[in-house]
Amino acid sequence: MLPGEAAAMALYAAKGERIPRRGEVGLDSNRIEEFETSGYVMSGNRNKKMNAVRLRKENQVISAEEKRAILNLQKEERMKKEGAIISQVRVLFFRMGMMLIM
C-alpha cells in the first residue's frame, strides 16, 4: 500500500462504506451503488482479480482494527487484574501494620 492509503481505507471501513476503486475516486459509496444498480459497470467490476485485491485490502484494514481493539481490551483486563492485586497487597500491609501496633 502507498503511504496514507491504509488510513484512508480505514476511514471507509469505519463508516461501513465500500472502498472506491480506480475511476471511482471522488464519488461516495452511495453514489457508486446507485450507478451499479442502474446498470452501469463500474471500474473493476468485470475484473475478478481486482475485486479480490479490493476485498483483501478491506479485510486487512478490518483485521488491523480488530487486532487493535483486542489489544486494547487485553490491556484493560491486565490493568484491572493488576489493580486487584495491588489493592490486596495494600490490605495485607494494612493488616500487618495493625498487628505490629497491637
PDB file of N, CA and C in Angstrom:
ATOM      1  N   MET A   1       0.828  -1.180   0.000  1.00  0.00           N
ATOM      2  CA  MET A   1       0.000   0.000   0.000  1.00  0.00           C
ATOM      3  C   MET A   1       0.878   1.251   0.000  1.00  0.00           C
ATOM      4  N   LEU A   2       0.356   2.290  -0.566  1.00  0.00           N
ATOM      5  CA  LEU A   2       1.055   3.565  -0.596  1.00  0.00           C
ATOM      6  C   LEU A   2       0.874   4.284   0.733  1.00  0.00           C
ATOM      7  N   PRO A   3       1.766   5.232   1.056  1.00  0.00           N
ATOM      8  CA  PRO A   3       1.621   5.980   2.314  1.00  0.00           C
ATOM      9  C   PRO A   3       0.275   6.696   2.371  1.00  0.00           C
ATOM     10  N   GLY A   4      -0.421   6.541   3.475  1.00  0.00           N
ATOM     11  CA  GLY A   4      -1.715   7.187   3.664  1.00  0.00           C
ATOM     12  C   GLY A   4      -2.886   6.395   3.121  1.00  0.00           C
ATOM     13  N   GLU A   5      -2.602   5.398   2.293  1.00  0.00           N
ATOM     14  CA  GLU A   5      -3.672   4.612   1.683  1.00  0.00           C
ATOM     15  C   GLU A   5      -4.414   3.784   2.735  1.00  0.00           C
ATOM     16  N   ALA A   6      -3.674   3.204   3.679  1.00  0.00           N
ATOM     17  CA  ALA A   6      -4.300   2.381   4.717  1.00  0.00           C
ATOM     18  C   ALA A   6      -5.198   3.222   5.604  1.00  0.00           C
ATOM     19  N   ALA A   7      -4.757   4.429   5.936  1.00  0.00           N
ATOM     20  CA  ALA A   7      -5.571   5.305   6.787  1.00  0.00           C
ATOM     21  C   ALA A   7      -6.866   5.686   6.081  1.00  0.00           C
ATOM     22  N   ALA A   8      -6.767   5.972   4.798  1.00  0.00           N
ATOM     23  CA  ALA A   8      -7.965   6.325   4.033  1.00  0.00           C
ATOM     24  C   ALA A   8      -8.921   5.138   3.960  1.00  0.00           C
ATOM     25  N   MET A   9      -8.379   3.945   3.763  1.00  0.00           N
ATOM     26  CA  MET A   9      -9.217   2.745   3.718  1.00  0.00           C
ATOM     27  C   MET A   9      -9.851   2.482   5.076  1.00  0.00           C
ATOM     28  N   ALA A  10      -9.110   2.752   6.132  1.00  0.00           N
ATOM     29  CA  ALA A  10      -9.647   2.543   7.485  1.00  0.00           C
ATOM     30  C   ALA A  10     -10.846   3.444   7.728  1.00  0.00           C
ATOM     31  N   LEU A  11     -10.807   4.662   7.191  1.00  0.00           N
ATOM     32  CA  LEU A  11     -11.944   5.570   7.343  1.00  0.00           C
ATOM     33  C   LEU A  11     -13.183   5.018   6.649  1.00  0.00           C
ATOM     34  N   TYR A  12     -12.997   4.484   5.439  1.00  0.00           N
ATOM     35  CA  TYR A  12     -14.130   3.887   4.734  1.00  0.00           C
ATOM     36  C   TYR A  12     -14.670   2.682   5.504  1.00  0.00           C
ATOM     37  N   ALA A  13     -13.774   1.829   6.002  1.00  0.00           N
ATOM     38  CA  ALA A  13     -14.187   0.636   6.740  1.00  0.00           C
ATOM     39  C   ALA A  13     -14.899   1.017   8.030  1.00  0.00           C
ATOM     40  N   ALA A  14     -14.419   2.062   8.702  1.00  0.00           N
ATOM     41  CA  ALA A  14     -15.033   2.501   9.954  1.00  0.00           C
ATOM     42  C   ALA A  14     -16.458   3.002   9.716  1.00  0.00           C
ATOM     43  N   LYS A  15     -16.677   3.631   8.567  1.00  0.00           N
ATOM     44  CA  LYS A  15     -18.005   4.127   8.226  1.00  0.00           C
ATOM     45  C   LYS A  15     -18.902   3.023   7.665  1.00  0.00           C
ATOM     46  N   GLY A  16     -18.304   1.851   7.385  1.00  0.00           N
ATOM     47  CA  GLY A  16     -19.070   0.753   6.804  1.00  0.00           C
ATOM     48  C   GLY A  16     -19.314   0.947   5.316  1.00  0.00           C
ATOM     49  N   GLU A  17     -18.493   1.762   4.678  1.00  0.00           N
ATOM     50  CA  GLU A  17     -18.650   2.037   3.261  1.00  0.00           C
ATOM     51  C   GLU A  17     -17.677   1.213   2.438  1.00  0.00           C
ATOM     52  N   ARG A  18     -18.022   1.045   1.177  1.00  0.00           N
ATOM     53  CA  ARG A  18     -17.177   0.317   0.254  1.00  0.00           C
ATOM     54  C   ARG A  18     -16.019   1.210  -0.159  1.00  0.00           C
ATOM     55  N   ILE A  19     -14.827   0.652  -0.230  1.00  0.00           N
ATOM     56  CA  ILE A  19     -13.640   1.421  -0.626  1.00  0.00           C
ATOM     57  C   ILE A  19     -13.698   1.642  -2.142  1.00  0.00           C
ATOM     58  N   PRO A  20     -13.574   2.899  -2.606  1.00  0.00           N
ATOM     59  CA  PRO A  20     -13.669   3.151  -4.046  1.00  0.00           C
ATOM     60  C   PRO A  20     -12.478   2.582  -4.807  1.00  0.00           C
ATOM     61  N   ARG A  21     -12.765   2.117  -6.004  1.00  0.00           N
ATOM     62  CA  ARG A  21     -11.712   1.584  -6.867  1.00  0.00           C
ATOM     63  C   ARG A  21     -11.242   2.680  -7.811  1.00  0.00           C
ATOM     64  N   ARG A  22     -10.261   2.338  -8.617  1.00  0.00           N
ATOM     65  CA  ARG A  22      -9.747   3.298  -9.588  1.00  0.00           C
ATOM     66  C   ARG A  22     -10.895   3.760 -10.490  1.00  0.00           C
ATOM     67  N   GLY A  23     -10.987   5.047 -10.708  1.00  0.00           N
ATOM     68  CA  GLY A  23     -12.041   5.594 -11.544  1.00  0.00           C
ATOM     69  C   GLY A  23     -13.262   5.996 -10.738  1.00  0.00           C
ATOM     70  N   GLU A  24     -13.323   5.562  -9.493  1.00  0.00           N
ATOM     71  CA  GLU A  24     -14.467   5.890  -8.650  1.00  0.00           C
ATOM     72  C   GLU A  24     -14.100   6.913  -7.576  1.00  0.00           C
ATOM     73  N   VAL A  25     -12.843   7.308  -7.532  1.00  0.00           N
ATOM     74  CA  VAL A  25     -12.384   8.257  -6.526  1.00  0.00           C
ATOM     75  C   VAL A  25     -13.110   9.581  -6.748  1.00  0.00           C
ATOM     76  N   GLY A  26     -13.598  10.155  -5.672  1.00  0.00           N
ATOM     77  CA  GLY A  26     -14.360  11.393  -5.762  1.00  0.00           C
ATOM     78  C   GLY A  26     -15.853  11.152  -5.658  1.00  0.00           C
ATOM     79  N   LEU A  27     -16.268   9.900  -5.861  1.00  0.00           N
ATOM     80  CA  LEU A  27     -17.676   9.546  -5.686  1.00  0.00           C
ATOM     81  C   LEU A  27     -17.829   8.874  -4.329  1.00  0.00           C
ATOM     82  N   ASP A  28     -18.923   9.166  -3.643  1.00  0.00           N
ATOM     83  CA  ASP A  28     -19.132   8.461  -2.376  1.00  0.00           C
ATOM     84  C   ASP A  28     -19.753   7.098  -2.667  1.00  0.00           C
ATOM     85  N   SER A  29     -19.711   6.204  -1.680  1.00  0.00           N
ATOM     86  CA  SER A  29     -20.128   4.824  -1.906  1.00  0.00           C
ATOM     87  C   SER A  29     -21.610   4.720  -2.269  1.00  0.00           C
ATOM     88  N   ASN A  30     -22.434   5.620  -1.735  1.00  0.00           N
ATOM     89  CA  ASN A  30     -23.866   5.589  -2.077  1.00  0.00           C
ATOM     90  C   ASN A  30     -24.077   5.900  -3.563  1.00  0.00           C
ATOM     91  N   ARG A  31     -23.343   6.890  -4.061  1.00  0.00           N
ATOM     92  CA  ARG A  31     -23.459   7.267  -5.473  1.00  0.00           C
ATOM     93  C   ARG A  31     -22.971   6.125  -6.376  1.00  0.00           C
ATOM     94  N   ILE A  32     -21.893   5.462  -5.976  1.00  0.00           N
ATOM     95  CA  ILE A  32     -21.362   4.331  -6.747  1.00  0.00           C
ATOM     96  C   ILE A  32     -22.400   3.221  -6.809  1.00  0.00           C
ATOM     97  N   GLU A  33     -23.028   2.922  -5.674  1.00  0.00           N
ATOM     98  CA  GLU A  33     -24.056   1.874  -5.646  1.00  0.00           C
ATOM     99  C   GLU A  33     -25.250   2.241  -6.513  1.00  0.00           C
ATOM    100  N   GLU A  34     -25.607   3.539  -6.546  1.00  0.00           N
ATOM    101  CA  GLU A  34     -26.700   3.982  -7.417  1.00  0.00           C
ATOM    102  C   GLU A  34     -26.363   3.700  -8.875  1.00  0.00           C
ATOM    103  N   PHE A  35     -25.135   4.019  -9.282  1.00  0.00           N
ATOM    104  CA  PHE A  35     -24.713   3.753 -10.658  1.00  0.00           C
ATOM    105  C   PHE A  35     -24.769   2.259 -10.960  1.00  0.00           C
ATOM    106  N   GLU A  36     -24.273   1.437 -10.031  1.00  0.00           N
ATOM    107  CA  GLU A  36     -24.243  -0.008 -10.259  1.00  0.00           C
ATOM    108  C   GLU A  36     -25.646  -0.593 -10.336  1.00  0.00           C
ATOM    109  N   THR A  37     -26.557  -0.131  -9.482  1.00  0.00           N
ATOM    110  CA  THR A  37     -27.929  -0.666  -9.519  1.00  0.00           C
ATOM    111  C   THR A  37     -28.678  -0.211 -10.758  1.00  0.00           C
ATOM    112  N   SER A  38     -28.294   0.946 -11.319  1.00  0.00           N
ATOM    113  CA  SER A  38     -28.959   1.402 -12.537  1.00  0.00           C
ATOM    114  C   SER A  38     -28.388   0.736 -13.789  1.00  0.00           C
ATOM    115  N   GLY A  39     -27.359  -0.116 -13.614  1.00  0.00           N
ATOM    116  CA  GLY A  39     -26.867  -0.885 -14.745  1.00  0.00           C
ATOM    117  C   GLY A  39     -25.475  -0.544 -15.219  1.00  0.00           C
ATOM    118  N   TYR A  40     -24.879   0.506 -14.700  1.00  0.00           N
ATOM    119  CA  TYR A  40     -23.518   0.849 -15.102  1.00  0.00           C
ATOM    120  C   TYR A  40     -22.536  -0.175 -14.536  1.00  0.00           C
ATOM    121  N   VAL A  41     -21.511  -0.469 -15.335  1.00  0.00           N
ATOM    122  CA  VAL A  41     -20.447  -1.353 -14.872  1.00  0.00           C
ATOM    123  C   VAL A  41     -19.298  -0.456 -14.448  1.00  0.00           C
ATOM    124  N   MET A  42     -19.074  -0.429 -13.153  1.00  0.00           N
ATOM    125  CA  MET A  42     -18.040   0.457 -12.625  1.00  0.00           C
ATOM    126  C   MET A  42     -16.667  -0.179 -12.800  1.00  0.00           C
ATOM    127  N   SER A  43     -15.652   0.643 -12.676  1.00  0.00           N
ATOM    128  CA  SER A  43     -14.281   0.202 -12.854  1.00  0.00           C
ATOM    129  C   SER A  43     -13.974  -0.986 -11.956  1.00  0.00           C
ATOM    130  N   GLY A  44     -13.489  -2.048 -12.529  1.00  0.00           N
ATOM    131  CA  GLY A  44     -13.086  -3.207 -11.738  1.00  0.00           C
ATOM    132  C   GLY A  44     -14.156  -4.253 -11.562  1.00  0.00           C
ATOM    133  N   ASN A  45     -15.405  -3.955 -11.871  1.00  0.00           N
ATOM    134  CA  ASN A  45     -16.457  -4.953 -11.693  1.00  0.00           C
ATOM    135  C   ASN A  45     -16.274  -6.161 -12.599  1.00  0.00           C
ATOM    136  N   ARG A  46     -15.699  -5.936 -13.761  1.00  0.00           N
ATOM    137  CA  ARG A  46     -15.510  -7.044 -14.695  1.00  0.00           C
ATOM    138  C   ARG A  46     -14.264  -7.851 -14.370  1.00  0.00           C
ATOM    139  N   ASN A  47     -13.426  -7.331 -13.540  1.00  0.00           N
ATOM    140  CA  ASN A  47     -12.148  -7.969 -13.286  1.00  0.00           C
ATOM    141  C   ASN A  47     -12.176  -8.660 -11.920  1.00  0.00           C
ATOM    142  N   LYS A  48     -12.232  -9.980 -11.922  1.00  0.00           N
ATOM    143  CA  LYS A  48     -12.309 -10.742 -10.670  1.00  0.00           C
ATOM    144  C   LYS A  48     -11.071 -10.541  -9.810  1.00  0.00           C
ATOM    145  N   LYS A  49      -9.920 -10.424 -10.466  1.00  0.00           N
ATOM    146  CA  LYS A  49      -8.681 -10.245  -9.712  1.00  0.00           C
ATOM    147  C   LYS A  49      -8.705  -8.915  -8.951  1.00  0.00           C
ATOM    148  N   MET A  50      -9.196  -7.870  -9.580  1.00  0.00           N
ATOM    149  CA  MET A  50      -9.253  -6.561  -8.933  1.00  0.00           C
ATOM    150  C   MET A  50     -10.220  -6.594  -7.747  1.00  0.00           C
ATOM    151  N   ASN A  51     -11.341  -7.278  -7.904  1.00  0.00           N
ATOM    152  CA  ASN A  51     -12.284  -7.420  -6.795  1.00  0.00           C
ATOM    153  C   ASN A  51     -11.653  -8.181  -5.640  1.00  0.00           C
ATOM    154  N   ALA A  52     -10.884  -9.214  -5.965  1.00  0.00           N
ATOM    155  CA  ALA A  52     -10.219  -9.993  -4.918  1.00  0.00           C
ATOM    156  C   ALA A  52      -9.203  -9.134  -4.169  1.00  0.00           C
ATOM    157  N   VAL A  53      -8.467  -8.312  -4.904  1.00  0.00           N
ATOM    158  CA  VAL A  53      -7.487  -7.422  -4.268  1.00  0.00           C
ATOM    159  C   VAL A  53      -8.202  -6.421  -3.365  1.00  0.00           C
ATOM    160  N   ARG A  54      -9.304  -5.858  -3.845  1.00  0.00           N
ATOM    161  CA  ARG A  54     -10.061  -4.891  -3.046  1.00  0.00           C
ATOM    162  C   ARG A  54     -10.570  -5.538  -1.762  1.00  0.00           C
ATOM    163  N   LEU A  55     -11.137  -6.736  -1.867  1.00  0.00           N
ATOM    164  CA  LEU A  55     -11.630  -7.439  -0.683  1.00  0.00           C
ATOM    165  C   LEU A  55     -10.503  -7.762   0.296  1.00  0.00           C
ATOM    166  N   ARG A  56      -9.351  -8.179  -0.248  1.00  0.00           N
ATOM    167  CA  ARG A  56      -8.213  -8.487   0.622  1.00  0.00           C
ATOM    168  C   ARG A  56      -7.752  -7.246   1.385  1.00  0.00           C
ATOM    169  N   LYS A  57      -7.677  -6.109   0.680  1.00  0.00           N
ATOM    170  CA  LYS A  57      -7.261  -4.869   1.333  1.00  0.00           C
ATOM    171  C   LYS A  57      -8.276  -4.445   2.387  1.00  0.00           C
ATOM    172  N   GLU A  58      -9.570  -4.578   2.083  1.00  0.00           N
ATOM    173  CA  GLU A  58     -10.595  -4.250   3.079  1.00  0.00           C
ATOM    174  C   GLU A  58     -10.457  -5.140   4.304  1.00  0.00           C
ATOM    175  N   ASN A  59     -10.216  -6.422   4.084  1.00  0.00           N
ATOM    176  CA  ASN A  59     -10.066  -7.353   5.202  1.00  0.00           C
ATOM    177  C   ASN A  59      -8.814  -7.060   6.013  1.00  0.00           C
ATOM    178  N   GLN A  60      -7.743  -6.604   5.344  1.00  0.00           N
ATOM    179  CA  GLN A  60      -6.523  -6.241   6.070  1.00  0.00           C
ATOM    180  C   GLN A  60      -6.794  -5.071   7.001  1.00  0.00           C
ATOM    181  N   VAL A  61      -7.522  -4.089   6.520  1.00  0.00           N
ATOM    182  CA  VAL A  61      -7.831  -2.913   7.333  1.00  0.00           C
ATOM    183  C   VAL A  61      -8.717  -3.314   8.496  1.00  0.00           C
ATOM    184  N   ILE A  62      -9.734  -4.105   8.225  1.00  0.00           N
ATOM    185  CA  ILE A  62     -10.652  -4.529   9.279  1.00  0.00           C
ATOM    186  C   ILE A  62      -9.930  -5.386  10.301  1.00  0.00           C
ATOM    187  N   SER A  63      -9.081  -6.321   9.836  1.00  0.00           N
ATOM    188  CA  SER A  63      -8.387  -7.180  10.783  1.00  0.00           C
ATOM    189  C   SER A  63      -7.400  -6.372  11.628  1.00  0.00           C
ATOM    190  N   ALA A  64      -6.802  -5.346  11.051  1.00  0.00           N
ATOM    191  CA  ALA A  64      -5.900  -4.494  11.831  1.00  0.00           C
ATOM    192  C   ALA A  64      -6.675  -3.761  12.914  1.00  0.00           C
ATOM    193  N   GLU A  65      -7.892  -3.289  12.578  1.00  0.00           N
ATOM    194  CA  GLU A  65      -8.723  -2.614  13.571  1.00  0.00           C
ATOM    195  C   GLU A  65      -9.152  -3.593  14.660  1.00  0.00           C
ATOM    196  N   GLU A  66      -9.498  -4.825  14.253  1.00  0.00           N
ATOM    197  CA  GLU A  66      -9.898  -5.836  15.234  1.00  0.00           C
ATOM    198  C   GLU A  66      -8.739  -6.165  16.170  1.00  0.00           C
ATOM    199  N   LYS A  67      -7.536  -6.294  15.601  1.00  0.00           N
ATOM    200  CA  LYS A  67      -6.362  -6.584  16.426  1.00  0.00           C
ATOM    201  C   LYS A  67      -6.122  -5.459  17.429  1.00  0.00           C
ATOM    202  N   ARG A  68      -6.264  -4.224  16.972  1.00  0.00           N
ATOM    203  CA  ARG A  68      -6.066  -3.076  17.852  1.00  0.00           C
ATOM    204  C   ARG A  68      -7.099  -3.098  18.979  1.00  0.00           C
ATOM    205  N   ALA A  69      -8.343  -3.427  18.655  1.00  0.00           N
ATOM    206  CA  ALA A  69      -9.400  -3.493  19.674  1.00  0.00           C
ATOM    207  C   ALA A  69      -9.124  -4.606  20.680  1.00  0.00           C
ATOM    208  N   ILE A  70      -8.671  -5.752  20.192  1.00  0.00           N
ATOM    209  CA  ILE A  70      -8.355  -6.870  21.083  1.00  0.00           C
ATOM    210  C   ILE A  70      -7.203  -6.506  22.004  1.00  0.00           C
ATOM    211  N   LEU A  71      -6.177  -5.864  21.469  1.00  0.00           N
ATOM    212  CA  LEU A  71      -5.037  -5.454  22.301  1.00  0.00           C
ATOM    213  C   LEU A  71      -5.466  -4.458  23.373  1.00  0.00           C
ATOM    214  N   ASN A  72      -6.345  -3.523  23.005  1.00  0.00           N
ATOM    215  CA  ASN A  72      -6.844  -2.562  23.997  1.00  0.00           C
ATOM    216  C   ASN A  72      -7.641  -3.267  25.081  1.00  0.00           C
ATOM    217  N   LEU A  73      -8.457  -4.236  24.698  1.00  0.00           N
ATOM    218  CA  LEU A  73      -9.244  -4.994  25.668  1.00  0.00           C
ATOM    219  C   LEU A  73      -8.330  -5.784  26.604  1.00  0.00           C
ATOM    220  N   GLN A  74      -7.300  -6.417  26.046  1.00  0.00           N
ATOM    221  CA  GLN A  74      -6.353  -7.167  26.864  1.00  0.00           C
ATOM    222  C   GLN A  74      -5.620  -6.245  27.833  1.00  0.00           C
ATOM    223  N   LYS A  75      -5.270  -5.047  27.376  1.00  0.00           N
ATOM    224  CA  LYS A  75      -4.582  -4.091  28.234  1.00  0.00           C
ATOM    225  C   LYS A  75      -5.485  -3.681  29.399  1.00  0.00           C
ATOM    226  N   GLU A  76      -6.768  -3.425  29.103  1.00  0.00           N
ATOM    227  CA  GLU A  76      -7.715  -3.050  30.157  1.00  0.00           C
ATOM    228  C   GLU A  76      -7.871  -4.172  31.180  1.00  0.00           C
ATOM    229  N   GLU A  77      -7.974  -5.415  30.701  1.00  0.00           N
ATOM    230  CA  GLU A  77      -8.118  -6.555  31.603  1.00  0.00           C
ATOM    231  C   GLU A  77      -6.870  -6.710  32.483  1.00  0.00           C
ATOM    232  N   ARG A  78      -5.692  -6.524  31.886  1.00  0.00           N
ATOM    233  CA  ARG A  78      -4.444  -6.622  32.637  1.00  0.00           C
ATOM    234  C   ARG A  78      -4.380  -5.541  33.714  1.00  0.00           C
ATOM    235  N   MET A  79      -4.822  -4.329  33.366  1.00  0.00           N
ATOM    236  CA  MET A  79      -4.827  -3.230  34.332  1.00  0.00           C
ATOM    237  C   MET A  79      -5.791  -3.530  35.492  1.00  0.00           C
ATOM    238  N   LYS A  80      -6.941  -4.134  35.191  1.00  0.00           N
ATOM    239  CA  LYS A  80      -7.900  -4.488  36.238  1.00  0.00           C
ATOM    240  C   LYS A  80      -7.299  -5.533  37.175  1.00  0.00           C
ATOM    241  N   LYS A  81      -6.647  -6.550  36.589  1.00  0.00           N
ATOM    242  CA  LYS A  81      -6.019  -7.591  37.409  1.00  0.00           C
ATOM    243  C   LYS A  81      -4.921  -7.002  38.294  1.00  0.00           C
ATOM    244  N   GLU A  82      -4.097  -6.143  37.713  1.00  0.00           N
ATOM    245  CA  GLU A  82      -3.020  -5.515  38.483  1.00  0.00           C
ATOM    246  C   GLU A  82      -3.590  -4.653  39.600  1.00  0.00           C
ATOM    247  N   GLY A  83      -4.670  -3.942  39.318  1.00  0.00           N
ATOM    248  CA  GLY A  83      -5.319  -3.116  40.333  1.00  0.00           C
ATOM    249  C   GLY A  83      -5.847  -3.952  41.482  1.00  0.00           C
ATOM    250  N   ALA A  84      -6.438  -5.110  41.152  1.00  0.00           N
ATOM    251  CA  ALA A  84      -6.948  -6.002  42.197  1.00  0.00           C
ATOM    252  C   ALA A  84      -5.805  -6.532  43.056  1.00  0.00           C
ATOM    253  N   ILE A  85      -4.711  -6.907  42.437  1.00  0.00           N
ATOM    254  CA  ILE A  85      -3.553  -7.427  43.179  1.00  0.00           C
ATOM    255  C   ILE A  85      -2.977  -6.340  44.084  1.00  0.00           C
ATOM    256  N   ILE A  86      -2.853  -5.134  43.548  1.00  0.00           N
ATOM    257  CA  ILE A  86      -2.314  -4.027  44.347  1.00  0.00           C
ATOM    258  C   ILE A  86      -3.210  -3.738  45.545  1.00  0.00           C
ATOM    259  N   SER A  87      -4.520  -3.760  45.341  1.00  0.00           N
ATOM    260  CA  SER A  87      -5.426  -3.500  46.467  1.00  0.00           C
ATOM    261  C   SER A  87      -5.328  -4.616  47.511  1.00  0.00           C
ATOM    262  N   GLN A  88      -5.148  -5.858  47.087  1.00  0.00           N
ATOM    263  CA  GLN A  88      -4.975  -6.967  48.034  1.00  0.00           C
ATOM    264  C   GLN A  88      -3.686  -6.788  48.838  1.00  0.00           C
ATOM    265  N   VAL A  89      -2.618  -6.380  48.176  1.00  0.00           N
ATOM    266  CA  VAL A  89      -1.342  -6.165  48.866  1.00  0.00           C
ATOM    267  C   VAL A  89      -1.480  -5.029  49.874  1.00  0.00           C
ATOM    268  N   ARG A  90      -2.171  -3.964  49.499  1.00  0.00           N
ATOM    269  CA  ARG A  90      -2.380  -2.846  50.415  1.00  0.00           C
ATOM    270  C   ARG A  90      -3.145  -3.298  51.658  1.00  0.00           C
ATOM    271  N   VAL A  91      -4.184  -4.133  51.460  1.00  0.00           N
ATOM    272  CA  VAL A  91      -4.971  -4.646  52.588  1.00  0.00           C
ATOM    273  C   VAL A  91      -4.078  -5.483  53.491  1.00  0.00           C
ATOM    274  N   LEU A  92      -3.249  -6.331  52.905  1.00  0.00           N
ATOM    275  CA  LEU A  92      -2.352  -7.166  53.707  1.00  0.00           C
ATOM    276  C   LEU A  92      -1.372  -6.307  54.504  1.00  0.00           C
ATOM    277  N   PHE A  93      -0.773  -5.299  53.873  1.00  0.00           N
ATOM    278  CA  PHE A  93       0.165  -4.432  54.584  1.00  0.00           C
ATOM    279  C   PHE A  93      -0.535  -3.658  55.699  1.00  0.00           C
ATOM    280  N   PHE A  94      -1.778  -3.227  55.442  1.00  0.00           N
ATOM    281  CA  PHE A  94      -2.534  -2.507  56.461  1.00  0.00           C
ATOM    282  C   PHE A  94      -2.787  -3.417  57.662  1.00  0.00           C
ATOM    283  N   ARG A  95      -3.198  -4.649  57.379  1.00  0.00           N
ATOM    284  CA  ARG A  95      -3.455  -5.604  58.474  1.00  0.00           C
ATOM    285  C   ARG A  95      -2.173  -5.917  59.250  1.00  0.00           C
ATOM    286  N   MET A  96      -1.081  -6.064  58.519  1.00  0.00           N
ATOM    287  CA  MET A  96       0.192  -6.359  59.194  1.00  0.00           C
ATOM    288  C   MET A  96       0.609  -5.169  60.062  1.00  0.00           C
ATOM    289  N   GLY A  97       0.398  -3.972  59.577  1.00  0.00           N
ATOM    290  CA  GLY A  97       0.727  -2.773  60.337  1.00  0.00           C
ATOM    291  C   GLY A  97      -0.113  -2.690  61.596  1.00  0.00           C
ATOM    292  N   MET A  98      -1.379  -3.064  61.510  1.00  0.00           N
ATOM    293  CA  MET A  98      -2.265  -3.051  62.665  1.00  0.00           C
ATOM    294  C   MET A  98      -1.805  -4.078  63.694  1.00  0.00           C
ATOM    295  N   MET A  99      -1.331  -5.244  63.219  1.00  0.00           N
ATOM    296  CA  MET A  99      -0.867  -6.288  64.121  1.00  0.00           C
ATOM    297  C   MET A  99       0.396  -5.857  64.851  1.00  0.00           C
ATOM    298  N   LEU A 100       1.276  -5.120  64.180  1.00  0.00           N
ATOM    299  CA  LEU A 100       2.520  -4.673  64.803  1.00  0.00           C
ATOM    300  C   LEU A 100       2.252  -3.632  65.880  1.00  0.00           C
ATOM    301  N   ILE A 101       1.197  -2.825  65.678  1.00  0.00           N
ATOM    302  CA  ILE A 101       0.873  -1.788  66.648  1.00  0.00           C
ATOM    303  C   ILE A 101       0.345  -2.431  67.943  1.00  0.00           C
ATOM    304  N   MET A 102      -0.428  -3.508  67.816  1.00  0.00           N
ATOM    305  CA  MET A 102      -1.007  -4.168  68.988  1.00  0.00           C
ATOM    306  C   MET A 102       0.060  -4.902  69.687  1.00  0.00           C
TER     307      MET A 102
END
